[in-house]
């Protein structure tokens, strides 16, 4: 392990430990300490580098991969996986530079964090027209690198009820997914999921934090040969 990697690991562990200290509330009836859902989500976000990334379960993803391979979409194997995702990452960074969309690589997965302030109007699942060009750039890369599954995950802040936020997150994820498929991305490659308010990447206690938590994440994961 390099010195830089070791240092980052220690700092991350310290961050999580400090965050955890303020994450617990005491049940007034049982006296038990419990981690609240917002703090738990924020710690997950911190550990993953301010994005959540792929949240679809392994079984669901594997079934999707098998279906795509069965339909004639080739899978990736061995060292070819990393090299393929390297090239896709570089192309996405090139296409999305200056758009407000961040590109994060975690292992072999690439996540695009699309903040709500540039994708949607407040409390709406209708895409901002100014964002069409950004998604068109994503489509361009997705068509070139078609050996990937694309998860569109909607996230909200904690304002409003859990049920409402869950539904809003699902509608927003569906809107982005529909845009991709309407522009020619194979529907079988796209998974939609709504996380509601359950996976924040930062605090919901400030306006700035809530703005970061309102987002759609597009995660590209390689289709692996069976």
C-alpha atoms as a PDB file:
ATOM      1  CA  UNK A   1       0.000   0.000   0.000  1.00  0.00           C
ATOM      2  CA  UNK A   2       1.410   3.415  -0.957  1.00  0.00           C
ATOM      3  CA  UNK A   3       1.873   6.186   1.596  1.00  0.00           C
ATOM      4  CA  UNK A   4      -0.824   8.280  -0.112  1.00  0.00           C
ATOM      5  CA  UNK A   5      -3.306   5.408  -0.074  1.00  0.00           C
ATOM      6  CA  UNK A   6      -2.527   4.604   3.556  1.00  0.00           C
ATOM      7  CA  UNK A   7      -2.982   8.241   4.543  1.00  0.00           C
ATOM      8  CA  UNK A   8      -6.310   8.479   2.757  1.00  0.00           C
ATOM      9  CA  UNK A   9      -7.474   5.270   4.431  1.00  0.00           C
ATOM     10  CA  UNK A  10      -6.586   6.594   7.887  1.00  0.00           C
ATOM     11  CA  UNK A  11      -8.273   9.931   7.227  1.00  0.00           C
ATOM     12  CA  UNK A  12     -11.419   8.231   5.934  1.00  0.00           C
ATOM     13  CA  UNK A  13     -11.575   5.986   8.983  1.00  0.00           C
ATOM     14  CA  UNK A  14     -11.199   9.008  11.235  1.00  0.00           C
ATOM     15  CA  UNK A  15     -13.941  10.869   9.358  1.00  0.00           C
ATOM     16  CA  UNK A  16     -16.359   7.969   9.684  1.00  0.00           C
ATOM     17  CA  UNK A  17     -15.538   7.550  13.369  1.00  0.00           C
ATOM     18  CA  UNK A  18     -16.113  11.232  14.113  1.00  0.00           C
ATOM     19  CA  UNK A  19     -19.328  11.250  12.090  1.00  0.00           C
ATOM     20  CA  UNK A  20     -20.570   8.152  13.863  1.00  0.00           C
ATOM     21  CA  UNK A  21     -20.170   9.778  17.248  1.00  0.00           C
ATOM     22  CA  UNK A  22     -22.993  12.190  16.453  1.00  0.00           C
ATOM     23  CA  UNK A  23     -25.170   9.738  14.549  1.00  0.00           C
ATOM     24  CA  UNK A  24     -26.955   8.041  17.402  1.00  0.00           C
ATOM     25  CA  UNK A  25     -30.149   8.891  19.211  1.00  0.00           C
ATOM     26  CA  UNK A  26     -31.429   7.278  22.404  1.00  0.00           C
ATOM     27  CA  UNK A  27     -34.816   5.592  22.342  1.00  0.00           C
ATOM     28  CA  UNK A  28     -36.717   7.167  25.278  1.00  0.00           C
ATOM     29  CA  UNK A  29     -38.554   3.917  25.989  1.00  0.00           C
ATOM     30  CA  UNK A  30     -35.810   1.295  25.713  1.00  0.00           C
ATOM     31  CA  UNK A  31     -32.717   3.382  26.372  1.00  0.00           C
ATOM     32  CA  UNK A  32     -31.060   1.811  23.315  1.00  0.00           C
ATOM     33  CA  UNK A  33     -28.910   3.861  21.011  1.00  0.00           C
ATOM     34  CA  UNK A  34     -29.854   3.772  17.351  1.00  0.00           C
ATOM     35  CA  UNK A  35     -28.245   5.298  14.267  1.00  0.00           C
ATOM     36  CA  UNK A  36     -30.679   7.578  12.477  1.00  0.00           C
ATOM     37  CA  UNK A  37     -31.264   6.933   8.790  1.00  0.00           C
ATOM     38  CA  UNK A  38     -29.944  10.310   7.613  1.00  0.00           C
ATOM     39  CA  UNK A  39     -26.627   9.911   9.400  1.00  0.00           C
ATOM     40  CA  UNK A  40     -26.288   6.346   8.151  1.00  0.00           C
ATOM     41  CA  UNK A  41     -26.791   7.505   4.574  1.00  0.00           C
ATOM     42  CA  UNK A  42     -24.369  10.387   4.983  1.00  0.00           C
ATOM     43  CA  UNK A  43     -21.670   8.018   6.228  1.00  0.00           C
ATOM     44  CA  UNK A  44     -22.233   5.775   3.208  1.00  0.00           C
ATOM     45  CA  UNK A  45     -21.868   8.827   0.987  1.00  0.00           C
ATOM     46  CA  UNK A  46     -18.652   9.893   2.671  1.00  0.00           C
ATOM     47  CA  UNK A  47     -17.170   6.421   2.356  1.00  0.00           C
ATOM     48  CA  UNK A  48     -17.961   6.242  -1.362  1.00  0.00           C
ATOM     49  CA  UNK A  49     -16.512   9.631  -2.268  1.00  0.00           C
ATOM     50  CA  UNK A  50     -19.690  11.768  -2.239  1.00  0.00           C
ATOM     51  CA  UNK A  51     -21.619   9.482  -4.569  1.00  0.00           C
ATOM     52  CA  UNK A  52     -23.595   6.380  -3.733  1.00  0.00           C
ATOM     53  CA  UNK A  53     -22.949   4.531  -6.972  1.00  0.00           C
ATOM     54  CA  UNK A  54     -24.618   1.298  -8.030  1.00  0.00           C
ATOM     55  CA  UNK A  55     -27.396   0.372  -5.591  1.00  0.00           C
ATOM     56  CA  UNK A  56     -29.101  -2.363  -7.604  1.00  0.00           C
ATOM     57  CA  UNK A  57     -28.660  -5.749  -5.918  1.00  0.00           C
ATOM     58  CA  UNK A  58     -26.190  -8.275  -7.309  1.00  0.00           C
ATOM     59  CA  UNK A  59     -28.895 -10.786  -8.229  1.00  0.00           C
ATOM     60  CA  UNK A  60     -30.869  -8.249 -10.237  1.00  0.00           C
ATOM     61  CA  UNK A  61     -27.756  -7.047 -12.007  1.00  0.00           C
ATOM     62  CA  UNK A  62     -26.613 -10.580 -12.841  1.00  0.00           C
ATOM     63  CA  UNK A  63     -30.016 -11.456 -14.292  1.00  0.00           C
ATOM     64  CA  UNK A  64     -29.839  -8.357 -16.459  1.00  0.00           C
ATOM     65  CA  UNK A  65     -26.340  -9.280 -17.622  1.00  0.00           C
ATOM     66  CA  UNK A  66     -27.400 -12.802 -18.557  1.00  0.00           C
ATOM     67  CA  UNK A  67     -30.380 -11.484 -20.502  1.00  0.00           C
ATOM     68  CA  UNK A  68     -28.219  -9.027 -22.434  1.00  0.00           C
ATOM     69  CA  UNK A  69     -25.589 -11.625 -23.246  1.00  0.00           C
ATOM     70  CA  UNK A  70     -28.345 -13.994 -24.339  1.00  0.00           C
ATOM     71  CA  UNK A  71     -29.631 -11.248 -26.630  1.00  0.00           C
ATOM     72  CA  UNK A  72     -26.245 -10.967 -28.319  1.00  0.00           C
ATOM     73  CA  UNK A  73     -24.577  -8.196 -26.333  1.00  0.00           C
ATOM     74  CA  UNK A  74     -21.032  -9.365 -25.721  1.00  0.00           C
ATOM     75  CA  UNK A  75     -19.603  -9.455 -22.209  1.00  0.00           C
ATOM     76  CA  UNK A  76     -16.215  -8.350 -20.920  1.00  0.00           C
ATOM     77  CA  UNK A  77     -13.671 -10.581 -19.216  1.00  0.00           C
ATOM     78  CA  UNK A  78     -10.374 -10.389 -17.346  1.00  0.00           C
ATOM     79  CA  UNK A  79      -8.150  -7.380 -17.826  1.00  0.00           C
ATOM     80  CA  UNK A  80     -10.397  -6.223 -20.626  1.00  0.00           C
ATOM     81  CA  UNK A  81     -12.965  -5.019 -18.095  1.00  0.00           C
ATOM     82  CA  UNK A  82     -10.740  -2.390 -16.516  1.00  0.00           C
ATOM     83  CA  UNK A  83      -9.315  -1.206 -19.827  1.00  0.00           C
ATOM     84  CA  UNK A  84     -12.795  -0.853 -21.319  1.00  0.00           C
ATOM     85  CA  UNK A  85     -14.048   1.171 -18.362  1.00  0.00           C
ATOM     86  CA  UNK A  86     -10.879   3.305 -18.440  1.00  0.00           C
ATOM     87  CA  UNK A  87     -11.653   4.352 -21.997  1.00  0.00           C
ATOM     88  CA  UNK A  88     -15.312   4.997 -21.213  1.00  0.00           C
ATOM     89  CA  UNK A  89     -14.397   7.072 -18.163  1.00  0.00           C
ATOM     90  CA  UNK A  90     -12.010   9.214 -20.186  1.00  0.00           C
ATOM     91  CA  UNK A  91     -14.659   9.809 -22.854  1.00  0.00           C
ATOM     92  CA  UNK A  92     -17.304  10.744 -20.280  1.00  0.00           C
ATOM     93  CA  UNK A  93     -14.956  13.194 -18.583  1.00  0.00           C
ATOM     94  CA  UNK A  94     -14.195  14.765 -21.944  1.00  0.00           C
ATOM     95  CA  UNK A  95     -17.848  15.092 -22.917  1.00  0.00           C
ATOM     96  CA  UNK A  96     -19.091  16.364 -19.535  1.00  0.00           C
ATOM     97  CA  UNK A  97     -16.351  18.851 -18.702  1.00  0.00           C
ATOM     98  CA  UNK A  98     -17.888  22.120 -17.520  1.00  0.00           C
ATOM     99  CA  UNK A  99     -21.472  20.823 -17.386  1.00  0.00           C
ATOM    100  CA  UNK A 100     -21.825  20.598 -13.595  1.00  0.00           C
ATOM    101  CA  UNK A 101     -21.998  16.787 -13.738  1.00  0.00           C
ATOM    102  CA  UNK A 102     -19.257  15.022 -11.781  1.00  0.00           C
ATOM    103  CA  UNK A 103     -17.672  11.761 -12.903  1.00  0.00           C
ATOM    104  CA  UNK A 104     -16.523   9.357 -10.179  1.00  0.00           C
ATOM    105  CA  UNK A 105     -14.820   5.994 -10.651  1.00  0.00           C
ATOM    106  CA  UNK A 106     -15.258   3.346  -7.948  1.00  0.00           C
ATOM    107  CA  UNK A 107     -13.645   0.062  -8.952  1.00  0.00           C
ATOM    108  CA  UNK A 108     -15.007  -0.861 -12.365  1.00  0.00           C
ATOM    109  CA  UNK A 109     -18.121   1.315 -11.991  1.00  0.00           C
ATOM    110  CA  UNK A 110     -18.452   4.906 -13.209  1.00  0.00           C
ATOM    111  CA  UNK A 111     -21.019   7.202 -11.611  1.00  0.00           C
ATOM    112  CA  UNK A 112     -22.301  10.493 -12.990  1.00  0.00           C
ATOM    113  CA  UNK A 113     -23.751  12.724 -10.281  1.00  0.00           C
ATOM    114  CA  UNK A 114     -26.388  15.003 -11.813  1.00  0.00           C
ATOM    115  CA  UNK A 115     -27.464  17.655  -9.283  1.00  0.00           C
ATOM    116  CA  UNK A 116     -31.167  18.454  -9.153  1.00  0.00           C
ATOM    117  CA  UNK A 117     -30.609  22.170  -9.680  1.00  0.00           C
ATOM    118  CA  UNK A 118     -29.401  21.537 -13.239  1.00  0.00           C
ATOM    119  CA  UNK A 119     -31.620  18.575 -14.116  1.00  0.00           C
ATOM    120  CA  UNK A 120     -35.102  19.367 -12.795  1.00  0.00           C
ATOM    121  CA  UNK A 121     -37.331  22.192 -11.690  1.00  0.00           C
ATOM    122  CA  UNK A 122     -38.082  22.229  -7.968  1.00  0.00           C
ATOM    123  CA  UNK A 123     -40.542  19.506  -6.926  1.00  0.00           C
ATOM    124  CA  UNK A 124     -40.844  18.291 -10.516  1.00  0.00           C
ATOM    125  CA  UNK A 125     -39.822  15.261 -12.574  1.00  0.00           C
ATOM    126  CA  UNK A 126     -39.725  17.291 -15.810  1.00  0.00           C
ATOM    127  CA  UNK A 127     -36.222  17.709 -17.219  1.00  0.00           C
ATOM    128  CA  UNK A 128     -34.861  21.205 -17.701  1.00  0.00           C
ATOM    129  CA  UNK A 129     -34.583  21.831 -21.442  1.00  0.00           C
ATOM    130  CA  UNK A 130     -31.077  23.190 -20.887  1.00  0.00           C
ATOM    131  CA  UNK A 131     -30.026  19.723 -19.705  1.00  0.00           C
ATOM    132  CA  UNK A 132     -30.965  17.915 -22.913  1.00  0.00           C
ATOM    133  CA  UNK A 133     -27.569  18.573 -24.462  1.00  0.00           C
ATOM    134  CA  UNK A 134     -25.787  17.115 -21.444  1.00  0.00           C
ATOM    135  CA  UNK A 135     -27.801  13.915 -21.644  1.00  0.00           C
ATOM    136  CA  UNK A 136     -27.174  13.783 -25.385  1.00  0.00           C
ATOM    137  CA  UNK A 137     -23.450  13.709 -24.581  1.00  0.00           C
ATOM    138  CA  UNK A 138     -24.046  10.802 -22.211  1.00  0.00           C
ATOM    139  CA  UNK A 139     -26.012   8.992 -24.915  1.00  0.00           C
ATOM    140  CA  UNK A 140     -23.138   9.478 -27.358  1.00  0.00           C
ATOM    141  CA  UNK A 141     -20.710   7.723 -25.021  1.00  0.00           C
ATOM    142  CA  UNK A 142     -23.228   5.060 -23.959  1.00  0.00           C
ATOM    143  CA  UNK A 143     -23.771   4.073 -27.583  1.00  0.00           C
ATOM    144  CA  UNK A 144     -20.049   3.806 -28.232  1.00  0.00           C
ATOM    145  CA  UNK A 145     -19.458   1.766 -25.077  1.00  0.00           C
ATOM    146  CA  UNK A 146     -22.442  -0.538 -25.174  1.00  0.00           C
ATOM    147  CA  UNK A 147     -21.058  -3.326 -22.981  1.00  0.00           C
ATOM    148  CA  UNK A 148     -22.347  -1.657 -19.840  1.00  0.00           C
ATOM    149  CA  UNK A 149     -25.477  -1.648 -17.725  1.00  0.00           C
ATOM    150  CA  UNK A 150     -26.729   1.820 -16.820  1.00  0.00           C
ATOM    151  CA  UNK A 151     -28.466   2.369 -13.505  1.00  0.00           C
ATOM    152  CA  UNK A 152     -30.515   5.573 -13.191  1.00  0.00           C
ATOM    153  CA  UNK A 153     -31.037   6.224  -9.479  1.00  0.00           C
ATOM    154  CA  UNK A 154     -33.139   9.097  -8.150  1.00  0.00           C
ATOM    155  CA  UNK A 155     -32.390  10.711  -4.776  1.00  0.00           C
ATOM    156  CA  UNK A 156     -34.084  13.480  -2.798  1.00  0.00           C
ATOM    157  CA  UNK A 157     -33.468  15.555   0.303  1.00  0.00           C
ATOM    158  CA  UNK A 158     -35.464  14.926   3.486  1.00  0.00           C
ATOM    159  CA  UNK A 159     -38.000  17.730   2.989  1.00  0.00           C
ATOM    160  CA  UNK A 160     -41.512  16.267   2.825  1.00  0.00           C
ATOM    161  CA  UNK A 161     -42.750  12.791   3.653  1.00  0.00           C
ATOM    162  CA  UNK A 162     -40.757   9.639   2.962  1.00  0.00           C
ATOM    163  CA  UNK A 163     -43.520   8.324   0.706  1.00  0.00           C
ATOM    164  CA  UNK A 164     -43.627  11.490  -1.393  1.00  0.00           C
ATOM    165  CA  UNK A 165     -39.843  11.613  -1.690  1.00  0.00           C
ATOM    166  CA  UNK A 166     -39.709   7.973  -2.718  1.00  0.00           C
ATOM    167  CA  UNK A 167     -42.239   8.560  -5.479  1.00  0.00           C
ATOM    168  CA  UNK A 168     -40.477  11.718  -6.662  1.00  0.00           C
ATOM    169  CA  UNK A 169     -37.128   9.934  -6.810  1.00  0.00           C
ATOM    170  CA  UNK A 170     -38.658   7.122  -8.862  1.00  0.00           C
ATOM    171  CA  UNK A 171     -40.259   9.562 -11.304  1.00  0.00           C
ATOM    172  CA  UNK A 172     -37.017  11.455 -11.778  1.00  0.00           C
ATOM    173  CA  UNK A 173     -35.022   8.281 -12.370  1.00  0.00           C
ATOM    174  CA  UNK A 174     -37.684   7.164 -14.838  1.00  0.00           C
ATOM    175  CA  UNK A 175     -37.539  10.464 -16.706  1.00  0.00           C
ATOM    176  CA  UNK A 176     -33.777  10.243 -17.200  1.00  0.00           C
ATOM    177  CA  UNK A 177     -33.992   6.573 -18.191  1.00  0.00           C
ATOM    178  CA  UNK A 178     -36.749   7.327 -20.698  1.00  0.00           C
ATOM    179  CA  UNK A 179     -34.642  10.078 -22.246  1.00  0.00           C
ATOM    180  CA  UNK A 180     -31.764   7.646 -22.757  1.00  0.00           C
ATOM    181  CA  UNK A 181     -33.921   4.938 -24.324  1.00  0.00           C
ATOM    182  CA  UNK A 182     -35.774   7.428 -26.509  1.00  0.00           C
ATOM    183  CA  UNK A 183     -32.394   8.474 -27.899  1.00  0.00           C
ATOM    184  CA  UNK A 184     -31.529   4.912 -28.864  1.00  0.00           C
ATOM    185  CA  UNK A 185     -30.026   3.255 -25.785  1.00  0.00           C
ATOM    186  CA  UNK A 186     -31.174  -0.363 -25.561  1.00  0.00           C
ATOM    187  CA  UNK A 187     -33.893  -0.497 -22.902  1.00  0.00           C
ATOM    188  CA  UNK A 188     -32.508  -3.763 -21.542  1.00  0.00           C
ATOM    189  CA  UNK A 189     -29.339  -1.961 -20.489  1.00  0.00           C
ATOM    190  CA  UNK A 190     -31.139   0.583 -18.300  1.00  0.00           C
ATOM    191  CA  UNK A 191     -32.221  -0.052 -14.711  1.00  0.00           C
ATOM    192  CA  UNK A 192     -34.262   2.534 -12.807  1.00  0.00           C
ATOM    193  CA  UNK A 193     -34.410   2.767  -9.037  1.00  0.00           C
ATOM    194  CA  UNK A 194     -35.645   5.381  -6.584  1.00  0.00           C
ATOM    195  CA  UNK A 195     -33.845   5.773  -3.267  1.00  0.00           C
ATOM    196  CA  UNK A 196     -35.997   8.628  -1.960  1.00  0.00           C
ATOM    197  CA  UNK A 197     -34.338  10.396   0.967  1.00  0.00           C
ATOM    198  CA  UNK A 198     -32.622   7.273   2.307  1.00  0.00           C
ATOM    199  CA  UNK A 199     -29.159   7.737   0.763  1.00  0.00           C
ATOM    200  CA  UNK A 200     -27.972  11.306   1.324  1.00  0.00           C
ATOM    201  CA  UNK A 201     -24.394  12.180   0.432  1.00  0.00           C
ATOM    202  CA  UNK A 202     -24.214  15.041   2.932  1.00  0.00           C
ATOM    203  CA  UNK A 203     -26.276  16.704   5.653  1.00  0.00           C
ATOM    204  CA  UNK A 204     -29.880  17.730   5.103  1.00  0.00           C
ATOM    205  CA  UNK A 205     -29.549  20.397   7.796  1.00  0.00           C
ATOM    206  CA  UNK A 206     -28.487  23.152   5.374  1.00  0.00           C
ATOM    207  CA  UNK A 207     -29.839  24.453   2.069  1.00  0.00           C
ATOM    208  CA  UNK A 208     -26.514  23.633   0.419  1.00  0.00           C
ATOM    209  CA  UNK A 209     -26.602  20.067   1.689  1.00  0.00           C
ATOM    210  CA  UNK A 210     -30.185  19.512   0.594  1.00  0.00           C
ATOM    211  CA  UNK A 211     -29.292  20.791  -2.884  1.00  0.00           C
ATOM    212  CA  UNK A 212     -26.516  18.193  -3.143  1.00  0.00           C
ATOM    213  CA  UNK A 213     -28.798  15.384  -1.983  1.00  0.00           C
ATOM    214  CA  UNK A 214     -31.395  16.191  -4.679  1.00  0.00           C
ATOM    215  CA  UNK A 215     -29.839  14.408  -7.614  1.00  0.00           C
ATOM    216  CA  UNK A 216     -29.917  11.595 -10.153  1.00  0.00           C
ATOM    217  CA  UNK A 217     -26.924   9.291 -10.354  1.00  0.00           C
ATOM    218  CA  UNK A 218     -26.184   7.383 -13.554  1.00  0.00           C
ATOM    219  CA  UNK A 219     -23.872   4.461 -12.866  1.00  0.00           C
ATOM    220  CA  UNK A 220     -22.213   2.528 -15.674  1.00  0.00           C
ATOM    221  CA  UNK A 221     -21.284  -1.047 -14.722  1.00  0.00           C
ATOM    222  CA  UNK A 222     -19.543  -3.519 -17.055  1.00  0.00           C
ATOM    223  CA  UNK A 223     -21.411  -6.477 -18.511  1.00  0.00           C
ATOM    224  CA  UNK A 224     -19.195  -9.364 -17.547  1.00  0.00           C
ATOM    225  CA  UNK A 225     -18.893 -12.534 -19.607  1.00  0.00           C
ATOM    226  CA  UNK A 226     -20.600 -15.458 -17.886  1.00  0.00           C
END
